[in-house]
């Protein structure tokens, strides 16, 4: 990620200035006692576990509810939340605070960002034996997500959730098109190849009387990449990103995926030029029967149709794979952490994971699988209908420059938009993506 030079007359960004800005973002204290304010992330008593996160709005409210629910599992402990701006500002502040050993006790990070933190010593490893004392074990998480928590034999992230790129649909036109199973789930077989997916889109368009599938991607920094990478991993194609490059990829399979994406949004049965919000509006207004989107939009879609359906992204190219990311807990580096306070932090995180049913109401799939195996979760619809996506998730390539909110996602999406909107051939688009990927690989990690 690159920065922007400070305007004339404004002091240049420094570690101290970034940390000060982060702390000025405000905090909420929750836990054993009433809600109260707190000033500095560094000034807290030993009973306080300081948490930095990026959850505002509805998600922020749900995390507050989780903290309250977790109280019995962390007696005598308060959790102090500092909510920071999502994206590059958040990760810049977290990196700078960690580099100086002045970060919070625990922070939320997208798992896709871990490759820029663990190898550089910006986060400390978790003690799995200590977590096990509080009922959280490695076997409580799916292999697909847990595999990304590790670096050189140690665990540097504890997953809170999986948030996959899935499909939402209105049950009535899907049923009318003959694409709904008896139990109300999507008939995945009807979408199990490029030709079948396009044929199903045409049937959905007939059933809705308008259009089949919406995909809002125009001028979006990530949507094109999310759809592309999930589909590419379904082909079984290799995507290796060795530091310094060159990347090891299958250009022919990349082109095959891009060609399918172009047909999917050719404007015949599905809208061609939809930005992110126009896509959501088209779905909410029932101008389209289905939408390709992240599960995080469940609340938006349910507001327009309380019976909205959802399913894991169909396996179009043979190998089950669903693009996703994972909010996770990391331990910002401290040069001399207090053992008793680290124990308190581990216990607090374990208690939060066990309150995951609350987090699931927003659409996120709790990473702590004992939650998703409960009767209460099975009755949570449509969430229970797409929970199997967690078994086949694929995250961004494990590189320091990739991940949520990164310039890398934007660069890849820009090329894909040229293919979907401007007629750039799939082969040329694939090669352009590889060139941009190799440019990123040639850059050293700024950390």
Protein backbone atom coordinates (compact mmCIF):
# COMPACT_ATOMS: atom_id res chain seq x y z
CA UNK A 1 0.00 0.00 0.00
CA UNK A 2 1.26 3.45 -0.83
CA UNK A 3 0.70 6.62 1.09
CA UNK A 4 -0.12 10.18 0.01
CA UNK A 5 2.41 12.96 0.73
CA UNK A 6 1.29 15.33 3.48
CA UNK A 7 0.03 18.68 2.17
CA UNK A 8 2.31 21.69 2.60
CA UNK A 9 1.99 23.09 6.09
CA UNK A 10 0.78 19.82 7.60
CA UNK A 11 3.23 17.81 9.75
CA UNK A 12 4.33 14.56 8.16
CA UNK A 13 2.88 11.33 9.51
CA UNK A 14 4.95 9.79 12.29
CA UNK A 15 4.46 6.73 14.46
CA UNK A 16 3.56 8.94 17.41
CA UNK A 17 1.12 11.02 15.34
CA UNK A 18 -0.57 7.91 13.90
CA UNK A 19 -0.93 6.37 17.35
CA UNK A 20 -2.35 9.62 18.73
CA UNK A 21 -4.89 9.73 15.91
CA UNK A 22 -5.87 6.14 16.58
CA UNK A 23 -6.44 6.78 20.26
CA UNK A 24 -8.50 9.86 19.47
CA UNK A 25 -11.02 7.71 17.61
CA UNK A 26 -12.87 7.03 20.87
CA UNK A 27 -13.50 3.98 23.03
CA UNK A 28 -16.26 2.04 24.71
CA UNK A 29 -15.73 -0.05 27.83
CA UNK A 30 -17.88 -3.11 28.36
CA UNK A 31 -17.73 -6.02 30.74
CA UNK A 32 -17.97 -6.41 34.51
CA UNK A 33 -19.88 -3.27 35.35
CA UNK A 34 -21.67 -0.38 33.69
CA UNK A 35 -20.65 1.19 30.40
CA UNK A 36 -18.08 3.92 30.83
CA UNK A 37 -15.65 6.00 28.80
CA UNK A 38 -11.93 5.56 28.68
CA UNK A 39 -9.15 7.83 27.49
CA UNK A 40 -5.91 6.16 26.50
CA UNK A 41 -5.38 2.69 25.09
CA UNK A 42 -2.26 2.56 27.26
CA UNK A 43 -3.84 3.65 30.52
CA UNK A 44 -6.02 0.86 31.86
CA UNK A 45 -6.08 -1.13 35.07
CA UNK A 46 -5.04 -4.77 35.14
CA UNK A 47 -8.66 -5.97 34.95
CA UNK A 48 -9.16 -4.31 31.55
CA UNK A 49 -8.50 -6.05 28.23
CA UNK A 50 -8.03 -3.40 25.57
CA UNK A 51 -9.48 -4.30 22.16
CA UNK A 52 -9.09 -2.45 18.87
CA UNK A 53 -11.67 -3.30 16.22
CA UNK A 54 -13.27 -1.92 13.07
CA UNK A 55 -16.91 -2.68 13.79
CA UNK A 56 -19.28 0.27 13.69
CA UNK A 57 -23.02 0.42 13.07
CA UNK A 58 -24.99 -2.79 13.53
CA UNK A 59 -21.90 -4.98 13.82
CA UNK A 60 -20.53 -2.73 16.53
CA UNK A 61 -23.77 -3.09 18.47
CA UNK A 62 -23.64 -6.86 18.13
CA UNK A 63 -20.08 -6.98 19.44
CA UNK A 64 -21.21 -4.98 22.46
CA UNK A 65 -23.95 -7.58 23.01
CA UNK A 66 -21.37 -10.36 22.71
CA UNK A 67 -19.20 -8.75 25.37
CA UNK A 68 -22.19 -8.63 27.71
CA UNK A 69 -23.06 -12.25 26.95
CA UNK A 70 -19.43 -13.26 27.58
CA UNK A 71 -19.24 -11.76 31.08
CA UNK A 72 -19.82 -15.04 32.98
CA UNK A 73 -16.90 -16.57 31.08
CA UNK A 74 -14.47 -13.81 32.06
CA UNK A 75 -15.26 -12.85 35.66
CA UNK A 76 -13.53 -9.75 36.90
CA UNK A 77 -12.56 -8.63 33.41
CA UNK A 78 -13.67 -5.63 31.40
CA UNK A 79 -13.24 -5.29 27.64
CA UNK A 80 -12.41 -1.80 26.44
CA UNK A 81 -13.27 -1.32 22.76
CA UNK A 82 -11.58 1.27 20.59
CA UNK A 83 -13.37 1.48 17.24
CA UNK A 84 -11.21 2.71 14.36
CA UNK A 85 -11.86 3.51 10.71
CA UNK A 86 -12.03 0.45 8.42
CA UNK A 87 -9.44 -0.13 5.70
CA UNK A 88 -5.96 1.29 5.24
CA UNK A 89 -6.22 3.75 8.19
CA UNK A 90 -6.97 0.89 10.56
CA UNK A 91 -4.14 -1.35 9.42
CA UNK A 92 -1.65 1.52 9.32
CA UNK A 93 -2.43 2.46 12.92
CA UNK A 94 -2.31 -1.15 14.05
CA UNK A 95 1.05 -1.74 12.39
CA UNK A 96 2.62 1.42 13.79
CA UNK A 97 1.34 0.81 17.30
CA UNK A 98 2.54 -2.80 17.20
CA UNK A 99 5.95 -1.82 15.86
CA UNK A 100 6.40 0.44 18.87
CA UNK A 101 5.09 -2.12 21.34
CA UNK A 102 2.28 0.28 22.24
CA UNK A 103 -0.72 -1.50 20.79
CA UNK A 104 -3.80 -2.82 22.60
CA UNK A 105 -3.96 -6.20 24.31
CA UNK A 106 -5.86 -7.71 21.38
CA UNK A 107 -7.08 -6.48 18.00
CA UNK A 108 -9.40 -7.62 15.25
CA UNK A 109 -7.75 -8.21 11.88
CA UNK A 110 -8.88 -9.71 8.60
CA UNK A 111 -7.16 -13.08 8.24
CA UNK A 112 -6.15 -12.08 4.72
CA UNK A 113 -3.93 -9.38 6.25
CA UNK A 114 -1.97 -11.72 8.52
CA UNK A 115 0.79 -12.30 5.95
CA UNK A 116 1.82 -8.67 6.41
CA UNK A 117 2.00 -8.95 10.21
CA UNK A 118 3.15 -12.36 11.44
CA UNK A 119 6.41 -12.63 9.42
CA UNK A 120 7.48 -9.13 10.47
CA UNK A 121 6.94 -9.61 14.21
CA UNK A 122 4.06 -7.14 14.46
CA UNK A 123 1.89 -9.70 16.25
CA UNK A 124 2.69 -12.27 18.91
CA UNK A 125 1.66 -15.96 18.82
CA UNK A 126 -1.28 -17.31 20.77
CA UNK A 127 -0.84 -19.92 23.51
CA UNK A 128 -3.09 -22.77 22.37
CA UNK A 129 -2.69 -24.64 25.66
CA UNK A 130 -3.96 -21.58 27.49
CA UNK A 131 -6.96 -21.25 25.17
CA UNK A 132 -7.68 -24.94 25.69
CA UNK A 133 -7.96 -24.32 29.44
CA UNK A 134 -10.91 -22.08 28.58
CA UNK A 135 -12.57 -24.55 26.22
CA UNK A 136 -11.27 -23.38 22.83
CA UNK A 137 -9.25 -25.92 20.85
CA UNK A 138 -7.81 -26.21 17.39
CA UNK A 139 -10.37 -28.87 16.44
CA UNK A 140 -13.14 -26.34 17.05
CA UNK A 141 -12.29 -24.61 13.73
CA UNK A 142 -12.51 -25.74 10.12
CA UNK A 143 -9.29 -26.63 8.35
CA UNK A 144 -9.98 -24.14 5.56
CA UNK A 145 -9.79 -21.17 7.94
CA UNK A 146 -7.36 -22.52 10.53
CA UNK A 147 -4.70 -23.22 7.90
CA UNK A 148 -4.23 -19.47 7.45
CA UNK A 149 -3.65 -18.79 11.15
CA UNK A 150 -0.22 -20.44 11.18
CA UNK A 151 3.29 -19.15 10.50
CA UNK A 152 6.43 -21.20 11.14
CA UNK A 153 4.62 -23.62 13.40
CA UNK A 154 2.89 -21.05 15.59
CA UNK A 155 -0.65 -19.65 15.63
CA UNK A 156 -0.93 -15.91 15.13
CA UNK A 157 -4.68 -15.47 14.70
CA UNK A 158 -7.82 -16.88 16.29
CA UNK A 159 -10.77 -16.76 13.86
CA UNK A 160 -13.96 -15.05 14.98
CA UNK A 161 -15.93 -15.76 11.82
CA UNK A 162 -15.95 -16.59 8.15
CA UNK A 163 -17.64 -14.07 5.88
CA UNK A 164 -18.00 -15.62 2.41
CA UNK A 165 -19.08 -14.35 -0.99
CA UNK A 166 -22.38 -16.18 -1.60
CA UNK A 167 -25.65 -15.96 -3.51
CA UNK A 168 -28.89 -14.44 -2.22
CA UNK A 169 -32.22 -15.12 -3.94
CA UNK A 170 -35.93 -14.41 -3.77
CA UNK A 171 -37.59 -17.82 -3.23
CA UNK A 172 -40.66 -17.17 -5.41
CA UNK A 173 -38.98 -16.68 -8.82
CA UNK A 174 -36.37 -19.36 -8.01
CA UNK A 175 -39.17 -21.83 -7.25
CA UNK A 176 -41.02 -20.77 -10.40
CA UNK A 177 -37.85 -21.41 -12.42
CA UNK A 178 -37.61 -24.93 -10.97
CA UNK A 179 -34.32 -24.16 -9.20
CA UNK A 180 -35.44 -24.59 -5.60
CA UNK A 181 -35.04 -27.86 -3.71
CA UNK A 182 -37.88 -29.24 -1.59
CA UNK A 183 -36.25 -28.07 1.65
CA UNK A 184 -36.10 -24.49 0.39
CA UNK A 185 -32.41 -24.55 -0.49
CA UNK A 186 -30.94 -23.73 -3.88
CA UNK A 187 -30.58 -26.54 -6.41
CA UNK A 188 -26.79 -26.34 -6.67
CA UNK A 189 -26.66 -28.91 -9.48
CA UNK A 190 -28.52 -26.48 -11.75
CA UNK A 191 -25.55 -24.08 -11.49
CA UNK A 192 -22.76 -26.67 -11.61
CA UNK A 193 -21.05 -25.62 -14.86
CA UNK A 194 -20.63 -22.38 -16.82
CA UNK A 195 -23.30 -23.43 -19.32
CA UNK A 196 -25.70 -24.55 -16.61
CA UNK A 197 -25.17 -21.33 -14.65
CA UNK A 198 -25.96 -19.22 -17.71
CA UNK A 199 -29.00 -21.38 -18.54
CA UNK A 200 -30.25 -21.03 -14.95
CA UNK A 201 -29.79 -17.26 -15.24
CA UNK A 202 -32.05 -17.25 -18.30
CA UNK A 203 -34.69 -19.24 -16.43
CA UNK A 204 -34.49 -16.85 -13.51
CA UNK A 205 -34.97 -13.92 -15.89
CA UNK A 206 -38.12 -15.54 -17.29
CA UNK A 207 -39.44 -16.28 -13.82
CA UNK A 208 -38.82 -12.78 -12.52
CA UNK A 209 -40.11 -11.16 -15.69
CA UNK A 210 -37.08 -8.89 -15.72
CA UNK A 211 -33.50 -10.10 -15.16
CA UNK A 212 -31.83 -13.14 -13.70
CA UNK A 213 -28.72 -12.45 -11.65
CA UNK A 214 -27.34 -9.14 -10.37
CA UNK A 215 -23.65 -8.51 -9.78
CA UNK A 216 -22.65 -5.01 -8.68
CA UNK A 217 -19.02 -4.51 -9.61
CA UNK A 218 -18.64 -1.29 -11.64
CA UNK A 219 -16.13 1.08 -10.00
CA UNK A 220 -15.91 -1.23 -6.99
CA UNK A 221 -12.45 -1.95 -5.58
CA UNK A 222 -13.04 -5.59 -4.65
CA UNK A 223 -16.18 -7.19 -6.12
CA UNK A 224 -14.60 -8.25 -9.42
CA UNK A 225 -11.68 -9.87 -7.62
CA UNK A 226 -13.94 -11.68 -5.16
CA UNK A 227 -15.91 -13.36 -7.93
CA UNK A 228 -12.86 -14.06 -10.07
CA UNK A 229 -10.66 -15.58 -7.37
CA UNK A 230 -13.36 -17.86 -6.00
CA UNK A 231 -14.13 -19.15 -9.50
CA UNK A 232 -10.45 -19.49 -10.39
CA UNK A 233 -9.80 -21.63 -7.30
CA UNK A 234 -12.72 -23.81 -8.40
CA UNK A 235 -10.74 -24.66 -11.55
CA UNK A 236 -7.99 -26.14 -9.40
CA UNK A 237 -5.51 -23.70 -10.93
CA UNK A 238 -2.33 -22.88 -9.02
CA UNK A 239 -1.90 -19.34 -7.68
CA UNK A 240 1.46 -19.06 -5.94
CA UNK A 241 2.99 -15.74 -4.95
CA UNK A 242 6.68 -16.15 -4.01
CA UNK A 243 8.27 -12.95 -2.70
CA UNK A 244 10.15 -11.29 -5.54
CA UNK A 245 8.12 -13.18 -8.16
CA UNK A 246 7.29 -14.24 -10.69
CA UNK A 247 3.83 -15.51 -9.84
CA UNK A 248 2.96 -19.11 -10.66
CA UNK A 249 -0.52 -19.13 -12.20
CA UNK A 250 -2.46 -20.83 -14.99
CA UNK A 251 -3.19 -18.07 -17.51
CA UNK A 252 -5.49 -20.27 -19.58
CA UNK A 253 -7.69 -21.03 -16.60
CA UNK A 254 -7.70 -17.36 -15.63
CA UNK A 255 -8.90 -16.49 -19.13
CA UNK A 256 -11.58 -19.20 -18.94
CA UNK A 257 -12.97 -17.67 -15.75
CA UNK A 258 -12.89 -14.14 -17.16
CA UNK A 259 -14.73 -15.31 -20.28
CA UNK A 260 -17.48 -16.80 -18.11
CA UNK A 261 -17.75 -13.63 -16.04
CA UNK A 262 -18.13 -11.57 -19.21
CA UNK A 263 -20.97 -13.80 -20.42
CA UNK A 264 -22.64 -13.60 -17.03
CA UNK A 265 -22.92 -9.80 -17.26
CA UNK A 266 -23.37 -9.39 -21.02
CA UNK A 267 -26.63 -7.48 -20.57
CA UNK A 268 -28.85 -10.14 -22.13
CA UNK A 269 -30.24 -11.97 -19.12
CA UNK A 270 -28.25 -10.17 -16.44
CA UNK A 271 -27.51 -6.45 -16.03
CA UNK A 272 -24.19 -5.38 -17.53
CA UNK A 273 -23.38 -2.09 -15.82
CA UNK A 274 -24.19 -2.24 -12.13
CA UNK A 275 -22.24 -0.61 -9.37
CA UNK A 276 -22.36 -2.10 -5.88
CA UNK A 277 -25.36 -0.15 -4.62
CA UNK A 278 -27.28 -0.34 -7.89
CA UNK A 279 -26.93 -4.12 -7.71
CA UNK A 280 -28.39 -4.19 -4.20
CA UNK A 281 -31.20 -1.88 -5.26
CA UNK A 282 -32.03 -4.09 -8.26
CA UNK A 283 -32.31 -7.10 -5.97
CA UNK A 284 -34.25 -5.32 -3.24
CA UNK A 285 -36.69 -3.96 -5.83
CA UNK A 286 -37.14 -7.47 -7.29
CA UNK A 287 -35.78 -6.41 -10.66
CA UNK A 288 -33.58 -9.50 -10.44
CA UNK A 289 -34.15 -12.89 -8.83
CA UNK A 290 -30.64 -13.48 -7.50
CA UNK A 291 -27.57 -11.47 -6.50
CA UNK A 292 -23.91 -12.38 -6.05
CA UNK A 293 -22.78 -10.67 -2.85
CA UNK A 294 -21.18 -11.01 0.55
CA UNK A 295 -23.12 -12.46 3.45
CA UNK A 296 -22.54 -9.18 5.26
CA UNK A 297 -25.43 -7.69 3.25
CA UNK A 298 -27.98 -10.07 4.81
CA UNK A 299 -29.52 -7.32 6.93
CA UNK A 300 -29.98 -5.07 3.89
CA UNK A 301 -31.65 -7.77 1.83
CA UNK A 302 -33.79 -9.07 4.66
CA UNK A 303 -35.12 -5.56 5.17
CA UNK A 304 -36.66 -5.78 1.68
CA UNK A 305 -37.66 -9.46 1.83
CA UNK A 306 -37.84 -11.15 5.22
CA UNK A 307 -37.95 -14.54 3.45
CA UNK A 308 -34.80 -13.94 1.40
CA UNK A 309 -32.88 -17.14 0.66
CA UNK A 310 -29.13 -17.70 0.52
CA UNK A 311 -26.71 -20.44 -0.46
CA UNK A 312 -22.97 -21.07 -0.74
CA UNK A 313 -21.59 -19.92 -4.06
CA UNK A 314 -22.24 -22.80 -6.48
CA UNK A 315 -19.38 -24.98 -7.68
CA UNK A 316 -19.21 -23.89 -11.32
CA UNK A 317 -15.78 -25.23 -12.30
CA UNK A 318 -15.62 -28.61 -10.57
CA UNK A 319 -13.74 -27.96 -7.30
CA UNK A 320 -15.71 -26.63 -4.29
CA UNK A 321 -14.28 -23.21 -3.38
CA UNK A 322 -15.93 -20.10 -1.94
CA UNK A 323 -14.14 -16.78 -1.76
CA UNK A 324 -14.14 -15.45 1.80
CA UNK A 325 -12.26 -13.65 4.51
CA UNK A 326 -12.27 -14.05 8.26
CA UNK A 327 -12.33 -11.52 11.08
CA UNK A 328 -9.82 -12.80 13.60
CA UNK A 329 -8.21 -11.86 16.90
CA UNK A 330 -4.50 -11.05 16.93
CA UNK A 331 -2.09 -10.12 19.71
CA UNK A 332 -0.25 -6.89 18.81
CA UNK A 333 3.42 -7.23 19.69
CA UNK A 334 4.53 -6.29 23.18
CA UNK A 335 8.24 -6.62 24.03
CA UNK A 336 7.62 -7.80 27.58
CA UNK A 337 3.99 -8.92 28.01
CA UNK A 338 2.69 -9.58 31.49
CA UNK A 339 1.90 -13.30 31.78
CA UNK A 340 -1.15 -12.81 33.98
CA UNK A 341 -2.60 -10.19 31.66
CA UNK A 342 -2.00 -12.37 28.60
CA UNK A 343 -3.92 -15.12 30.39
CA UNK A 344 -6.77 -12.68 31.01
CA UNK A 345 -6.76 -11.76 27.32
CA UNK A 346 -6.90 -15.40 26.22
CA UNK A 347 -9.82 -16.02 28.56
CA UNK A 348 -11.72 -12.98 27.26
CA UNK A 349 -11.30 -14.05 23.63
CA UNK A 350 -12.45 -17.58 24.45
CA UNK A 351 -15.57 -16.16 26.11
CA UNK A 352 -16.31 -13.98 23.07
CA UNK A 353 -16.04 -16.94 20.70
CA UNK A 354 -18.58 -18.86 22.76
CA UNK A 355 -21.02 -15.96 22.34
CA UNK A 356 -20.86 -16.39 18.56
CA UNK A 357 -24.59 -17.06 18.12
CA UNK A 358 -25.10 -13.32 18.54
CA UNK A 359 -22.54 -12.59 15.82
CA UNK A 360 -24.29 -15.05 13.50
CA UNK A 361 -27.45 -12.95 13.45
CA UNK A 362 -25.62 -10.46 11.19
CA UNK A 363 -24.97 -13.20 8.64
CA UNK A 364 -21.37 -14.02 9.58
CA UNK A 365 -20.55 -17.71 10.05
CA UNK A 366 -19.07 -18.19 13.54
CA UNK A 367 -15.62 -19.75 13.22
CA UNK A 368 -16.01 -21.54 16.56
CA UNK A 369 -17.89 -24.59 15.26
CA UNK A 370 -19.56 -25.64 18.56
CA UNK A 371 -21.83 -22.62 17.92
CA UNK A 372 -22.80 -23.71 14.39
CA UNK A 373 -23.62 -27.23 15.63
CA UNK A 374 -26.35 -26.03 18.00
CA UNK A 375 -30.10 -26.31 17.47
CA UNK A 376 -30.37 -22.53 17.80
CA UNK A 377 -28.03 -22.04 14.85
CA UNK A 378 -29.84 -24.68 12.77
CA UNK A 379 -33.01 -22.62 13.19
CA UNK A 380 -31.27 -19.43 12.08
CA UNK A 381 -32.26 -18.97 8.44
CA UNK A 382 -30.97 -18.43 5.85
CA UNK A 383 -27.62 -18.53 7.70
CA UNK A 384 -27.83 -22.27 8.36
CA UNK A 385 -28.35 -22.87 4.63
CA UNK A 386 -24.92 -21.49 3.70
CA UNK A 387 -22.82 -22.48 6.71
CA UNK A 388 -21.13 -25.25 4.66
CA UNK A 389 -19.35 -22.48 2.74
CA UNK A 390 -16.94 -22.36 5.68
CA UNK A 391 -15.66 -25.82 4.74
CA UNK A 392 -14.43 -24.67 1.33
CA UNK A 393 -13.37 -21.06 1.78
CA UNK A 394 -10.39 -19.59 -0.01
CA UNK A 395 -8.79 -16.38 1.18
CA UNK A 396 -6.62 -13.93 -0.75
CA UNK A 397 -3.11 -15.13 -1.64
CA UNK A 398 -0.85 -15.14 1.43
CA UNK A 399 1.17 -12.05 0.52
CA UNK A 400 1.86 -8.87 2.47
CA UNK A 401 0.21 -6.68 -0.17
CA UNK A 402 -3.03 -8.69 -0.52
CA UNK A 403 -6.14 -8.87 1.61
CA UNK A 404 -9.17 -6.85 2.61
CA UNK A 405 -9.16 -3.23 1.49
CA UNK A 406 -5.82 -3.58 -0.30
CA UNK A 407 -4.48 -1.83 -3.40
CA UNK A 408 -3.97 -5.32 -4.82
CA UNK A 409 -7.69 -6.09 -4.89
CA UNK A 410 -8.34 -2.75 -6.54
CA UNK A 411 -5.67 -3.33 -9.19
CA UNK A 412 -7.09 -6.75 -10.10
CA UNK A 413 -10.66 -5.43 -10.18
CA UNK A 414 -9.64 -2.61 -12.52
CA UNK A 415 -8.42 -5.09 -15.12
CA UNK A 416 -11.51 -7.24 -14.73
CA UNK A 417 -13.73 -4.22 -15.31
CA UNK A 418 -11.92 -3.58 -18.58
CA UNK A 419 -12.80 -7.13 -19.64
CA UNK A 420 -16.43 -6.97 -18.52
CA UNK A 421 -17.18 -3.43 -19.67
CA UNK A 422 -14.73 -2.41 -22.37
CA UNK A 423 -14.24 -5.60 -24.35
CA UNK A 424 -10.68 -6.43 -23.30
CA UNK A 425 -10.22 -10.05 -24.37
CA UNK A 426 -10.05 -12.66 -21.58
CA UNK A 427 -6.54 -13.71 -22.61
CA UNK A 428 -5.21 -10.15 -22.57
CA UNK A 429 -6.99 -9.44 -19.29
CA UNK A 430 -5.43 -12.51 -17.67
CA UNK A 431 -1.96 -11.49 -18.78
CA UNK A 432 -2.53 -7.93 -17.57
CA UNK A 433 -3.50 -9.27 -14.15
CA UNK A 434 -0.32 -11.35 -14.02
CA UNK A 435 1.81 -8.32 -14.90
CA UNK A 436 0.23 -6.31 -12.10
CA UNK A 437 0.65 -9.22 -9.71
CA UNK A 438 4.36 -9.47 -10.53
CA UNK A 439 4.73 -5.74 -9.94
CA UNK A 440 3.40 -6.19 -6.41
CA UNK A 441 5.65 -9.21 -5.85
CA UNK A 442 8.72 -7.22 -6.83
CA UNK A 443 8.12 -4.70 -4.05
CA UNK A 444 9.61 -5.38 -0.59
CA UNK A 445 7.28 -5.39 2.38
CA UNK A 446 7.28 -1.92 3.99
CA UNK A 447 7.18 -3.60 7.41
